[in-house]
Amino acid sequence: MSRSLLALALGALAWSAQAGPLKVTVLDKEGKPVPDAVVVLAPAAPGAPKPLPTKVTITQEKMRFQPAVALVGVGAQATFVNNDPWEHHVRASPAGIHNFDSAATGGFELRLDGKAPGKTAHAVDAKFDKAGAVLLGCHLHASMKAHVFVSDTPWAAVSGEQGEAGFDAVPEGPVRIRVWHADQLLDLPPQQLTLTNAPATATMQLQVVPRRRRV
């Protein structure tokens, strides 16, 4: 083995020994777990995170978008599928306080016919080419809402039912944590941690109690 290859191999071993898991728990104002929050990390070292999805399927069924929050990378393609028997629209626009900012995350509008009995559901593709949170809605059914978070870093994850978002092999050293949630209109201050190679945990608390999604 050449000296350069040996140095690379030793460097990789050193990095792997200095990386560990991190679990971030998101709580609401009352201290209860918050699902569907997006947690974003900014480690001081680059590390080797898993890439975010470049394709996602978002369905319209029973007057709801599924999933409620989708996480993708910049440039990802979404396929919208209408499984309801009636027509739906998809209106994508910047979420939160950026909703009226035409220079923020790009938007689009689509129309999908209803699914006829025994027929394949109608589907339309769209691309998310700008980073940021995107609000999805339907012109015909105002109660239908969902979000797509387009991340410019692969260090991002969506919290589950217990409010937890997990990350593997986070590099040792300083890391900044921030969280986004659809009902938290003002950005929370980021949290700064210094990680070692041991498993680490952090808690982020919203300043609101999110509304329950219609079942």
N, C-alpha and C. Protein backbone atom coordinates (compact mmCIF):
# COMPACT_ATOMS: atom_id res chain seq x y z
N MET A 1 0.84 -1.19 0.00
CA MET A 1 0.00 0.00 0.00
C MET A 1 0.88 1.25 0.00
N SER A 2 0.55 2.21 -0.83
CA SER A 2 1.33 3.44 -0.89
C SER A 2 1.10 4.27 0.36
N ARG A 3 2.04 5.22 0.59
CA ARG A 3 1.91 6.08 1.77
C ARG A 3 0.62 6.89 1.75
N SER A 4 0.23 7.39 0.54
CA SER A 4 -0.98 8.21 0.43
C SER A 4 -2.22 7.40 0.76
N LEU A 5 -2.29 6.15 0.23
CA LEU A 5 -3.45 5.30 0.52
C LEU A 5 -3.50 4.93 2.00
N LEU A 6 -2.29 4.68 2.58
CA LEU A 6 -2.23 4.35 4.00
C LEU A 6 -2.72 5.52 4.84
N ALA A 7 -2.33 6.73 4.45
CA ALA A 7 -2.76 7.93 5.19
C ALA A 7 -4.26 8.10 5.11
N LEU A 8 -4.83 7.85 3.92
CA LEU A 8 -6.29 7.95 3.77
C LEU A 8 -7.00 6.92 4.63
N ALA A 9 -6.48 5.70 4.65
CA ALA A 9 -7.11 4.64 5.44
C ALA A 9 -7.05 4.97 6.92
N LEU A 10 -5.89 5.45 7.38
CA LEU A 10 -5.77 5.81 8.79
C LEU A 10 -6.67 6.99 9.14
N GLY A 11 -6.80 7.93 8.20
CA GLY A 11 -7.69 9.07 8.42
C GLY A 11 -9.13 8.62 8.54
N ALA A 12 -9.55 7.67 7.70
CA ALA A 12 -10.93 7.18 7.75
C ALA A 12 -11.19 6.47 9.07
N LEU A 13 -10.19 5.68 9.55
CA LEU A 13 -10.36 5.00 10.83
C LEU A 13 -10.46 6.00 11.97
N ALA A 14 -9.63 7.04 11.90
CA ALA A 14 -9.67 8.06 12.95
C ALA A 14 -10.99 8.77 12.97
N TRP A 15 -11.54 9.08 11.78
CA TRP A 15 -12.84 9.76 11.73
C TRP A 15 -13.95 8.88 12.29
N SER A 16 -13.94 7.57 11.88
CA SER A 16 -15.01 6.68 12.34
C SER A 16 -14.98 6.54 13.85
N ALA A 17 -13.78 6.63 14.46
CA ALA A 17 -13.69 6.52 15.91
C ALA A 17 -14.16 7.79 16.60
N GLN A 18 -14.30 8.86 15.86
CA GLN A 18 -14.69 10.15 16.43
C GLN A 18 -16.10 10.54 16.00
N ALA A 19 -16.89 9.59 15.59
CA ALA A 19 -18.26 9.88 15.18
C ALA A 19 -19.21 8.99 15.96
N GLY A 20 -20.35 9.55 16.35
CA GLY A 20 -21.31 8.78 17.13
C GLY A 20 -22.72 9.21 16.87
N PRO A 21 -23.70 8.48 17.41
CA PRO A 21 -25.11 8.81 17.20
C PRO A 21 -25.56 10.00 18.03
N LEU A 22 -26.54 10.70 17.50
CA LEU A 22 -27.15 11.84 18.20
C LEU A 22 -28.66 11.72 18.08
N LYS A 23 -29.36 11.80 19.21
CA LYS A 23 -30.82 11.79 19.22
C LYS A 23 -31.33 13.14 19.71
N VAL A 24 -32.15 13.78 18.88
CA VAL A 24 -32.72 15.08 19.23
C VAL A 24 -34.22 14.88 19.47
N THR A 25 -34.69 15.30 20.64
CA THR A 25 -36.11 15.21 20.97
C THR A 25 -36.73 16.60 20.90
N VAL A 26 -37.84 16.71 20.16
CA VAL A 26 -38.56 17.98 20.01
C VAL A 26 -39.81 17.94 20.87
N LEU A 27 -39.96 18.94 21.73
CA LEU A 27 -41.11 19.05 22.62
C LEU A 27 -41.90 20.31 22.30
N ASP A 28 -43.20 20.30 22.65
CA ASP A 28 -43.99 21.50 22.47
C ASP A 28 -43.87 22.39 23.71
N LYS A 29 -44.61 23.47 23.72
CA LYS A 29 -44.54 24.44 24.83
C LYS A 29 -44.90 23.80 26.15
N GLU A 30 -45.75 22.75 26.12
CA GLU A 30 -46.18 22.08 27.35
C GLU A 30 -45.31 20.88 27.70
N GLY A 31 -44.25 20.65 26.92
CA GLY A 31 -43.34 19.55 27.21
C GLY A 31 -43.74 18.22 26.63
N LYS A 32 -44.69 18.21 25.68
CA LYS A 32 -45.13 16.96 25.05
C LYS A 32 -44.38 16.74 23.74
N PRO A 33 -44.16 15.47 23.35
CA PRO A 33 -43.42 15.17 22.13
C PRO A 33 -44.12 15.74 20.89
N VAL A 34 -43.31 16.19 19.94
CA VAL A 34 -43.83 16.79 18.71
C VAL A 34 -43.38 15.97 17.50
N PRO A 35 -44.30 15.29 16.83
CA PRO A 35 -43.93 14.63 15.56
C PRO A 35 -43.92 15.64 14.41
N ASP A 36 -43.35 15.22 13.28
CA ASP A 36 -43.35 16.02 12.05
C ASP A 36 -42.60 17.34 12.18
N ALA A 37 -41.62 17.39 13.08
CA ALA A 37 -40.71 18.53 13.13
C ALA A 37 -39.45 18.15 12.37
N VAL A 38 -38.85 19.11 11.68
CA VAL A 38 -37.62 18.85 10.94
C VAL A 38 -36.44 19.37 11.76
N VAL A 39 -35.50 18.48 12.04
CA VAL A 39 -34.30 18.81 12.78
C VAL A 39 -33.13 18.87 11.80
N VAL A 40 -32.37 19.96 11.84
CA VAL A 40 -31.25 20.17 10.92
C VAL A 40 -29.98 20.38 11.73
N LEU A 41 -28.93 19.64 11.37
CA LEU A 41 -27.64 19.77 12.04
C LEU A 41 -26.65 20.52 11.16
N ALA A 42 -25.71 21.17 11.83
CA ALA A 42 -24.58 21.80 11.13
C ALA A 42 -23.31 21.46 11.91
N PRO A 43 -22.74 20.26 11.66
CA PRO A 43 -21.52 19.88 12.37
C PRO A 43 -20.33 20.70 11.86
N ALA A 44 -19.34 20.89 12.73
CA ALA A 44 -18.14 21.61 12.32
C ALA A 44 -17.35 20.80 11.30
N ALA A 45 -17.34 19.46 11.45
CA ALA A 45 -16.68 18.59 10.48
C ALA A 45 -17.71 18.06 9.49
N PRO A 46 -17.28 17.76 8.25
CA PRO A 46 -18.25 17.37 7.22
C PRO A 46 -18.93 16.03 7.48
N GLY A 47 -18.18 15.02 7.95
CA GLY A 47 -18.79 13.72 8.19
C GLY A 47 -19.25 13.05 6.91
N ALA A 48 -20.08 12.02 7.08
CA ALA A 48 -20.59 11.26 5.92
C ALA A 48 -22.05 10.90 6.14
N PRO A 49 -22.95 11.89 6.11
CA PRO A 49 -24.37 11.61 6.35
C PRO A 49 -25.01 10.89 5.17
N LYS A 50 -26.14 10.23 5.45
CA LYS A 50 -26.91 9.62 4.37
C LYS A 50 -27.52 10.71 3.50
N PRO A 51 -27.51 10.52 2.18
CA PRO A 51 -28.15 11.53 1.32
C PRO A 51 -29.65 11.54 1.52
N LEU A 52 -30.25 12.71 1.35
CA LEU A 52 -31.70 12.82 1.44
C LEU A 52 -32.36 12.28 0.17
N PRO A 53 -33.65 11.92 0.24
CA PRO A 53 -34.33 11.39 -0.94
C PRO A 53 -34.33 12.40 -2.09
N THR A 54 -34.18 11.86 -3.29
CA THR A 54 -34.28 12.69 -4.50
C THR A 54 -35.64 12.50 -5.18
N LYS A 55 -36.42 11.56 -4.65
CA LYS A 55 -37.77 11.33 -5.17
C LYS A 55 -38.71 11.07 -4.00
N VAL A 56 -39.94 11.57 -4.10
CA VAL A 56 -40.93 11.35 -3.05
C VAL A 56 -42.30 11.28 -3.69
N THR A 57 -43.17 10.43 -3.16
CA THR A 57 -44.55 10.34 -3.61
C THR A 57 -45.46 10.92 -2.54
N ILE A 58 -46.30 11.87 -2.94
CA ILE A 58 -47.25 12.51 -2.03
C ILE A 58 -48.65 12.23 -2.55
N THR A 59 -49.45 11.54 -1.76
CA THR A 59 -50.78 11.15 -2.20
C THR A 59 -51.85 12.07 -1.62
N GLN A 60 -52.94 12.18 -2.34
CA GLN A 60 -54.15 12.87 -1.87
C GLN A 60 -55.22 11.80 -1.70
N GLU A 61 -55.60 11.59 -0.45
CA GLU A 61 -56.55 10.51 -0.16
C GLU A 61 -57.36 10.85 1.08
N LYS A 62 -58.67 10.66 0.98
CA LYS A 62 -59.58 10.99 2.08
C LYS A 62 -59.42 12.44 2.51
N MET A 63 -59.26 13.31 1.50
CA MET A 63 -59.16 14.77 1.72
C MET A 63 -57.93 15.14 2.54
N ARG A 64 -56.84 14.38 2.39
CA ARG A 64 -55.61 14.68 3.10
C ARG A 64 -54.42 14.46 2.18
N PHE A 65 -53.36 15.21 2.43
CA PHE A 65 -52.06 14.91 1.82
C PHE A 65 -51.34 13.91 2.72
N GLN A 66 -50.68 12.93 2.09
CA GLN A 66 -49.87 11.97 2.84
C GLN A 66 -48.50 11.88 2.16
N PRO A 67 -47.40 12.08 2.88
CA PRO A 67 -47.30 12.35 4.32
C PRO A 67 -47.59 13.82 4.64
N ALA A 68 -47.76 14.09 5.94
CA ALA A 68 -48.02 15.47 6.37
C ALA A 68 -46.78 16.34 6.17
N VAL A 69 -45.60 15.75 6.37
CA VAL A 69 -44.33 16.46 6.16
C VAL A 69 -43.39 15.53 5.40
N ALA A 70 -42.90 15.98 4.27
CA ALA A 70 -41.92 15.23 3.50
C ALA A 70 -40.60 15.99 3.53
N LEU A 71 -39.50 15.26 3.67
CA LEU A 71 -38.17 15.85 3.70
C LEU A 71 -37.40 15.39 2.47
N VAL A 72 -36.90 16.34 1.69
CA VAL A 72 -36.17 16.02 0.46
C VAL A 72 -34.98 16.96 0.33
N GLY A 73 -34.07 16.60 -0.58
CA GLY A 73 -32.96 17.46 -0.90
C GLY A 73 -33.32 18.41 -2.03
N VAL A 74 -32.51 19.44 -2.20
CA VAL A 74 -32.73 20.40 -3.29
C VAL A 74 -32.64 19.68 -4.64
N GLY A 75 -33.61 19.95 -5.50
CA GLY A 75 -33.66 19.31 -6.81
C GLY A 75 -34.48 18.04 -6.84
N ALA A 76 -35.08 17.66 -5.72
CA ALA A 76 -35.85 16.42 -5.66
C ALA A 76 -37.13 16.52 -6.49
N GLN A 77 -37.56 15.38 -7.00
CA GLN A 77 -38.80 15.29 -7.78
C GLN A 77 -39.90 14.66 -6.92
N ALA A 78 -41.05 15.30 -6.91
CA ALA A 78 -42.21 14.77 -6.20
C ALA A 78 -43.26 14.31 -7.21
N THR A 79 -43.85 13.17 -6.93
CA THR A 79 -44.97 12.67 -7.73
C THR A 79 -46.23 12.79 -6.88
N PHE A 80 -47.18 13.60 -7.34
CA PHE A 80 -48.46 13.79 -6.64
C PHE A 80 -49.49 12.84 -7.25
N VAL A 81 -50.16 12.07 -6.38
CA VAL A 81 -51.12 11.07 -6.82
C VAL A 81 -52.46 11.34 -6.16
N ASN A 82 -53.53 11.43 -6.95
CA ASN A 82 -54.87 11.66 -6.42
C ASN A 82 -55.64 10.34 -6.35
N ASN A 83 -55.82 9.82 -5.12
CA ASN A 83 -56.56 8.58 -4.93
C ASN A 83 -58.03 8.81 -4.59
N ASP A 84 -58.43 10.09 -4.50
CA ASP A 84 -59.84 10.40 -4.23
C ASP A 84 -60.64 10.38 -5.54
N PRO A 85 -61.95 10.15 -5.46
CA PRO A 85 -62.76 10.09 -6.68
C PRO A 85 -63.12 11.46 -7.25
N TRP A 86 -62.68 12.52 -6.59
CA TRP A 86 -62.99 13.87 -7.06
C TRP A 86 -61.70 14.64 -7.37
N GLU A 87 -61.85 15.72 -8.08
CA GLU A 87 -60.70 16.51 -8.50
C GLU A 87 -60.02 17.21 -7.32
N HIS A 88 -58.70 17.29 -7.39
CA HIS A 88 -57.91 18.05 -6.43
C HIS A 88 -56.95 18.97 -7.17
N HIS A 89 -56.49 19.98 -6.47
CA HIS A 89 -55.40 20.82 -6.96
C HIS A 89 -54.22 20.67 -6.00
N VAL A 90 -53.06 21.08 -6.46
CA VAL A 90 -51.89 21.20 -5.60
C VAL A 90 -51.34 22.61 -5.78
N ARG A 91 -51.37 23.37 -4.71
CA ARG A 91 -50.77 24.71 -4.74
C ARG A 91 -49.59 24.70 -3.78
N ALA A 92 -48.39 24.89 -4.32
CA ALA A 92 -47.18 24.90 -3.52
C ALA A 92 -46.66 26.32 -3.41
N SER A 93 -46.45 26.78 -2.18
CA SER A 93 -45.99 28.15 -1.95
C SER A 93 -45.09 28.17 -0.73
N PRO A 94 -44.27 29.21 -0.55
CA PRO A 94 -43.43 29.29 0.64
C PRO A 94 -44.27 29.20 1.91
N ALA A 95 -43.74 28.51 2.91
CA ALA A 95 -44.48 28.31 4.16
C ALA A 95 -44.20 29.41 5.16
N GLY A 96 -45.10 29.54 6.13
CA GLY A 96 -44.89 30.44 7.26
C GLY A 96 -44.89 31.90 6.87
N ILE A 97 -44.02 32.67 7.52
CA ILE A 97 -44.00 34.11 7.30
C ILE A 97 -43.48 34.47 5.91
N HIS A 98 -42.92 33.48 5.20
CA HIS A 98 -42.42 33.74 3.84
C HIS A 98 -43.51 33.53 2.79
N ASN A 99 -44.73 33.24 3.23
CA ASN A 99 -45.80 32.90 2.30
C ASN A 99 -46.07 34.00 1.28
N PHE A 100 -45.82 35.25 1.65
CA PHE A 100 -46.11 36.36 0.76
C PHE A 100 -44.83 36.95 0.15
N ASP A 101 -43.73 36.23 0.28
CA ASP A 101 -42.45 36.70 -0.26
C ASP A 101 -42.20 36.01 -1.59
N SER A 102 -42.40 36.74 -2.68
CA SER A 102 -42.27 36.15 -4.01
C SER A 102 -40.84 35.74 -4.33
N ALA A 103 -39.87 36.27 -3.57
CA ALA A 103 -38.47 35.94 -3.84
C ALA A 103 -38.02 34.70 -3.07
N ALA A 104 -38.89 34.19 -2.19
CA ALA A 104 -38.53 33.02 -1.39
C ALA A 104 -38.75 31.75 -2.22
N THR A 105 -38.88 30.63 -1.50
CA THR A 105 -38.99 29.32 -2.16
C THR A 105 -40.00 29.33 -3.29
N GLY A 106 -39.59 28.85 -4.45
CA GLY A 106 -40.45 28.85 -5.62
C GLY A 106 -41.69 27.99 -5.44
N GLY A 107 -42.78 28.36 -6.09
CA GLY A 107 -44.03 27.62 -5.98
C GLY A 107 -44.51 27.14 -7.33
N PHE A 108 -45.63 26.40 -7.32
CA PHE A 108 -46.23 25.91 -8.55
C PHE A 108 -47.67 25.52 -8.27
N GLU A 109 -48.43 25.29 -9.32
CA GLU A 109 -49.82 24.84 -9.20
C GLU A 109 -50.05 23.69 -10.16
N LEU A 110 -50.77 22.67 -9.68
CA LEU A 110 -51.09 21.49 -10.48
C LEU A 110 -52.57 21.17 -10.32
N ARG A 111 -53.09 20.41 -11.26
CA ARG A 111 -54.47 19.94 -11.18
C ARG A 111 -54.48 18.44 -11.44
N LEU A 112 -55.22 17.69 -10.60
CA LEU A 112 -55.31 16.25 -10.77
C LEU A 112 -56.77 15.82 -10.80
N ASP A 113 -57.16 15.14 -11.83
CA ASP A 113 -58.52 14.60 -11.92
C ASP A 113 -58.71 13.51 -10.87
N GLY A 114 -59.99 13.27 -10.51
CA GLY A 114 -60.30 12.22 -9.56
C GLY A 114 -60.05 10.84 -10.13
N LYS A 115 -59.89 9.86 -9.25
CA LYS A 115 -59.64 8.48 -9.65
C LYS A 115 -60.96 7.79 -9.98
N ALA A 116 -61.09 7.33 -11.20
CA ALA A 116 -62.29 6.61 -11.63
C ALA A 116 -62.23 5.17 -11.12
N PRO A 117 -63.38 4.56 -10.79
CA PRO A 117 -63.40 3.18 -10.29
C PRO A 117 -62.71 2.23 -11.27
N GLY A 118 -61.81 1.42 -10.75
CA GLY A 118 -61.11 0.44 -11.57
C GLY A 118 -60.01 1.02 -12.44
N LYS A 119 -59.74 2.30 -12.32
CA LYS A 119 -58.72 2.95 -13.14
C LYS A 119 -57.50 3.32 -12.29
N THR A 120 -56.40 3.58 -12.97
CA THR A 120 -55.19 4.02 -12.29
C THR A 120 -55.34 5.47 -11.85
N ALA A 121 -54.86 5.78 -10.68
CA ALA A 121 -54.95 7.15 -10.17
C ALA A 121 -54.12 8.10 -11.02
N HIS A 122 -54.60 9.33 -11.14
CA HIS A 122 -53.86 10.34 -11.89
C HIS A 122 -52.66 10.82 -11.08
N ALA A 123 -51.55 11.05 -11.76
CA ALA A 123 -50.32 11.48 -11.11
C ALA A 123 -49.66 12.58 -11.93
N VAL A 124 -49.04 13.54 -11.24
CA VAL A 124 -48.31 14.63 -11.88
C VAL A 124 -47.00 14.85 -11.11
N ASP A 125 -45.93 15.11 -11.86
CA ASP A 125 -44.62 15.33 -11.24
C ASP A 125 -44.33 16.82 -11.10
N ALA A 126 -43.55 17.16 -10.08
CA ALA A 126 -43.08 18.53 -9.87
C ALA A 126 -41.71 18.46 -9.23
N LYS A 127 -40.95 19.54 -9.35
CA LYS A 127 -39.58 19.58 -8.84
C LYS A 127 -39.44 20.65 -7.78
N PHE A 128 -38.71 20.31 -6.73
CA PHE A 128 -38.42 21.27 -5.67
C PHE A 128 -36.94 21.68 -5.81
N ASP A 129 -36.72 22.85 -6.39
CA ASP A 129 -35.36 23.24 -6.73
C ASP A 129 -34.80 24.36 -5.87
N LYS A 130 -35.53 24.76 -4.81
CA LYS A 130 -35.03 25.78 -3.89
C LYS A 130 -35.18 25.29 -2.46
N ALA A 131 -34.18 25.60 -1.64
CA ALA A 131 -34.23 25.19 -0.24
C ALA A 131 -35.26 26.00 0.53
N GLY A 132 -35.90 25.35 1.50
CA GLY A 132 -36.88 26.03 2.34
C GLY A 132 -38.10 25.17 2.58
N ALA A 133 -39.00 25.66 3.41
CA ALA A 133 -40.25 24.95 3.71
C ALA A 133 -41.33 25.37 2.73
N VAL A 134 -42.03 24.40 2.18
CA VAL A 134 -43.07 24.64 1.18
C VAL A 134 -44.42 24.17 1.73
N LEU A 135 -45.41 25.04 1.63
CA LEU A 135 -46.77 24.71 2.04
C LEU A 135 -47.53 24.15 0.85
N LEU A 136 -48.19 23.00 1.04
CA LEU A 136 -49.05 22.41 0.02
C LEU A 136 -50.51 22.62 0.41
N GLY A 137 -51.32 23.01 -0.55
CA GLY A 137 -52.74 23.21 -0.31
C GLY A 137 -53.53 22.83 -1.54
N CYS A 138 -54.85 22.88 -1.41
CA CYS A 138 -55.77 22.56 -2.51
C CYS A 138 -56.76 23.71 -2.64
N HIS A 139 -56.89 24.27 -3.86
CA HIS A 139 -57.83 25.37 -4.08
C HIS A 139 -59.27 24.96 -3.74
N LEU A 140 -59.60 23.71 -4.01
CA LEU A 140 -60.99 23.27 -3.85
C LEU A 140 -61.32 22.87 -2.42
N HIS A 141 -60.32 22.47 -1.66
CA HIS A 141 -60.56 21.96 -0.30
C HIS A 141 -59.57 22.63 0.64
N ALA A 142 -60.00 23.70 1.29
CA ALA A 142 -59.10 24.54 2.08
C ALA A 142 -58.50 23.81 3.28
N SER A 143 -59.15 22.74 3.75
CA SER A 143 -58.64 22.03 4.92
C SER A 143 -57.43 21.16 4.60
N MET A 144 -57.17 20.93 3.33
CA MET A 144 -56.06 20.06 2.93
C MET A 144 -54.75 20.84 2.95
N LYS A 145 -53.86 20.46 3.86
CA LYS A 145 -52.56 21.12 3.97
C LYS A 145 -51.49 20.10 4.31
N ALA A 146 -50.31 20.32 3.81
CA ALA A 146 -49.13 19.52 4.14
C ALA A 146 -47.91 20.37 3.83
N HIS A 147 -46.73 19.84 4.13
CA HIS A 147 -45.50 20.60 3.91
C HIS A 147 -44.42 19.70 3.32
N VAL A 148 -43.57 20.33 2.54
CA VAL A 148 -42.34 19.70 2.06
C VAL A 148 -41.19 20.57 2.53
N PHE A 149 -40.24 19.97 3.26
CA PHE A 149 -39.06 20.72 3.69
C PHE A 149 -37.92 20.34 2.76
N VAL A 150 -37.45 21.33 2.01
CA VAL A 150 -36.38 21.12 1.04
C VAL A 150 -35.08 21.56 1.70
N SER A 151 -34.21 20.60 1.97
CA SER A 151 -33.01 20.89 2.75
C SER A 151 -31.78 20.98 1.84
N ASP A 152 -30.94 21.97 2.13
CA ASP A 152 -29.68 22.10 1.38
C ASP A 152 -28.54 21.38 2.08
N THR A 153 -28.85 20.60 3.12
CA THR A 153 -27.85 19.76 3.78
C THR A 153 -28.46 18.39 4.04
N PRO A 154 -27.67 17.32 3.88
CA PRO A 154 -28.19 15.98 4.20
C PRO A 154 -28.32 15.73 5.70
N TRP A 155 -27.78 16.62 6.53
CA TRP A 155 -27.92 16.47 7.98
C TRP A 155 -29.30 16.97 8.42
N ALA A 156 -30.33 16.25 8.06
CA ALA A 156 -31.70 16.63 8.39
C ALA A 156 -32.54 15.38 8.59
N ALA A 157 -33.54 15.47 9.49
CA ALA A 157 -34.42 14.33 9.76
C ALA A 157 -35.74 14.84 10.31
N VAL A 158 -36.80 14.03 10.14
CA VAL A 158 -38.14 14.37 10.63
C VAL A 158 -38.41 13.60 11.91
N SER A 159 -38.92 14.28 12.92
CA SER A 159 -39.21 13.61 14.20
C SER A 159 -40.40 12.67 14.07
N GLY A 160 -40.34 11.55 14.82
CA GLY A 160 -41.42 10.58 14.81
C GLY A 160 -42.47 10.90 15.87
N GLU A 161 -43.33 9.93 16.15
CA GLU A 161 -44.44 10.13 17.07
C GLU A 161 -43.97 10.51 18.48
N GLN A 162 -42.79 10.07 18.87
CA GLN A 162 -42.25 10.40 20.20
C GLN A 162 -41.40 11.67 20.16
N GLY A 163 -41.45 12.38 19.06
CA GLY A 163 -40.71 13.63 18.95
C GLY A 163 -39.23 13.47 18.71
N GLU A 164 -38.78 12.25 18.37
CA GLU A 164 -37.36 11.98 18.25
C GLU A 164 -36.89 11.95 16.80
N ALA A 165 -35.74 12.57 16.56
CA ALA A 165 -35.07 12.52 15.26
C ALA A 165 -33.66 12.00 15.52
N GLY A 166 -33.27 10.93 14.84
CA GLY A 166 -31.98 10.30 15.10
C GLY A 166 -30.99 10.51 13.96
N PHE A 167 -29.73 10.65 14.33
CA PHE A 167 -28.65 10.81 13.36
C PHE A 167 -27.53 9.83 13.72
N ASP A 168 -26.94 9.22 12.70
CA ASP A 168 -25.82 8.30 12.90
C ASP A 168 -24.52 8.97 12.51
N ALA A 169 -23.45 8.57 13.17
CA ALA A 169 -22.09 8.98 12.81
C ALA A 169 -21.94 10.49 12.67
N VAL A 170 -22.41 11.20 13.68
CA VAL A 170 -22.22 12.66 13.70
C VAL A 170 -20.79 12.95 14.14
N PRO A 171 -20.05 13.76 13.40
CA PRO A 171 -18.64 14.00 13.74
C PRO A 171 -18.47 14.62 15.13
N GLU A 172 -17.42 14.20 15.80
CA GLU A 172 -17.10 14.75 17.10
C GLU A 172 -16.76 16.24 16.97
N GLY A 173 -17.13 17.01 17.98
CA GLY A 173 -16.83 18.43 17.97
C GLY A 173 -18.10 19.27 18.00
N PRO A 174 -17.98 20.55 17.73
CA PRO A 174 -19.14 21.44 17.78
C PRO A 174 -20.18 21.09 16.72
N VAL A 175 -21.45 21.20 17.08
CA VAL A 175 -22.55 21.00 16.13
C VAL A 175 -23.68 21.95 16.51
N ARG A 176 -24.25 22.57 15.52
CA ARG A 176 -25.39 23.47 15.75
C ARG A 176 -26.66 22.74 15.37
N ILE A 177 -27.69 22.86 16.20
CA ILE A 177 -28.97 22.17 15.96
C ILE A 177 -30.07 23.22 15.82
N ARG A 178 -30.86 23.10 14.78
CA ARG A 178 -32.04 23.96 14.66
C ARG A 178 -33.24 23.09 14.29
N VAL A 179 -34.42 23.60 14.56
CA VAL A 179 -35.63 22.83 14.33
C VAL A 179 -36.66 23.69 13.62
N TRP A 180 -37.40 23.06 12.72
CA TRP A 180 -38.50 23.72 12.02
C TRP A 180 -39.78 22.93 12.26
N HIS A 181 -40.88 23.67 12.50
CA HIS A 181 -42.20 23.05 12.57
C HIS A 181 -43.20 24.00 11.93
N ALA A 182 -44.19 23.43 11.27
CA ALA A 182 -45.16 24.24 10.51
C ALA A 182 -45.87 25.28 11.37
N ASP A 183 -46.12 24.97 12.64
CA ASP A 183 -46.86 25.88 13.51
C ASP A 183 -45.96 26.85 14.27
N GLN A 184 -44.65 26.66 14.16
CA GLN A 184 -43.70 27.57 14.82
C GLN A 184 -43.27 28.60 13.77
N LEU A 185 -43.99 29.73 13.73
CA LEU A 185 -43.78 30.70 12.66
C LEU A 185 -42.47 31.46 12.80
N LEU A 186 -42.02 31.70 14.03
CA LEU A 186 -40.75 32.38 14.25
C LEU A 186 -39.67 31.35 14.54
N ASP A 187 -38.54 31.48 13.86
CA ASP A 187 -37.47 30.51 14.03
C ASP A 187 -36.99 30.46 15.48
N LEU A 188 -36.79 29.23 15.98
CA LEU A 188 -36.21 29.06 17.31
C LEU A 188 -34.71 29.34 17.27
N PRO A 189 -34.15 29.86 18.34
CA PRO A 189 -32.69 30.02 18.39
C PRO A 189 -32.02 28.66 18.26
N PRO A 190 -30.98 28.54 17.45
CA PRO A 190 -30.29 27.25 17.34
C PRO A 190 -29.59 26.89 18.65
N GLN A 191 -29.39 25.60 18.86
CA GLN A 191 -28.69 25.11 20.04
C GLN A 191 -27.30 24.62 19.64
N GLN A 192 -26.31 24.97 20.41
CA GLN A 192 -24.94 24.57 20.13
C GLN A 192 -24.49 23.50 21.11
N LEU A 193 -23.95 22.39 20.59
CA LEU A 193 -23.44 21.32 21.42
C LEU A 193 -22.01 21.00 21.01
N THR A 194 -21.29 20.38 21.91
CA THR A 194 -19.98 19.81 21.58
C THR A 194 -20.07 18.31 21.82
N LEU A 195 -19.94 17.53 20.75
CA LEU A 195 -20.14 16.09 20.82
C LEU A 195 -18.83 15.36 21.00
N THR A 196 -18.91 14.22 21.71
CA THR A 196 -17.81 13.27 21.77
C THR A 196 -18.24 12.04 21.00
N ASN A 197 -17.43 10.99 21.00
CA ASN A 197 -17.79 9.80 20.25
C ASN A 197 -18.83 8.94 20.96
N ALA A 198 -19.26 9.35 22.16
CA ALA A 198 -20.30 8.61 22.88
C ALA A 198 -21.67 9.02 22.36
N PRO A 199 -22.70 8.16 22.50
CA PRO A 199 -24.05 8.57 22.11
C PRO A 199 -24.46 9.84 22.82
N ALA A 200 -25.07 10.76 22.09
CA ALA A 200 -25.43 12.06 22.65
C ALA A 200 -26.92 12.32 22.45
N THR A 201 -27.49 13.17 23.31
CA THR A 201 -28.89 13.56 23.20
C THR A 201 -29.01 15.07 23.34
N ALA A 202 -30.10 15.59 22.78
CA ALA A 202 -30.40 17.02 22.90
C ALA A 202 -31.90 17.18 22.87
N THR A 203 -32.39 18.27 23.44
CA THR A 203 -33.82 18.57 23.46
C THR A 203 -34.05 19.97 22.92
N MET A 204 -35.00 20.09 22.01
CA MET A 204 -35.41 21.38 21.47
C MET A 204 -36.88 21.58 21.80
N GLN A 205 -37.25 22.73 22.34
CA GLN A 205 -38.63 22.98 22.76
C GLN A 205 -39.24 24.12 21.96
N LEU A 206 -40.41 23.84 21.35
CA LEU A 206 -41.13 24.85 20.61
C LEU A 206 -41.75 25.87 21.56
N GLN A 207 -42.12 27.00 21.01
CA GLN A 207 -42.81 28.03 21.79
C GLN A 207 -44.32 27.97 21.59
N VAL A 208 -44.79 26.93 20.91
CA VAL A 208 -46.22 26.77 20.63
C VAL A 208 -46.64 25.33 20.92
N VAL A 209 -47.95 25.13 20.98
CA VAL A 209 -48.54 23.78 21.01
C VAL A 209 -49.15 23.55 19.63
N PRO A 210 -48.54 22.68 18.82
CA PRO A 210 -49.04 22.47 17.45
C PRO A 210 -50.48 21.99 17.42
N ARG A 211 -51.19 22.41 16.40
CA ARG A 211 -52.57 21.94 16.21
C ARG A 211 -52.55 20.47 15.80
N ARG A 212 -53.56 19.76 16.27
CA ARG A 212 -53.70 18.36 15.87
C ARG A 212 -54.13 18.27 14.42
N ARG A 213 -53.54 17.35 13.70
CA ARG A 213 -53.94 17.16 12.31
C ARG A 213 -55.24 16.38 12.24
N ARG A 214 -56.12 16.76 11.30
CA ARG A 214 -57.40 16.08 11.14
C ARG A 214 -57.17 14.62 10.77
N VAL A 215 -57.88 13.72 11.48
CA VAL A 215 -57.75 12.27 11.23
C VAL A 215 -58.68 11.87 10.10
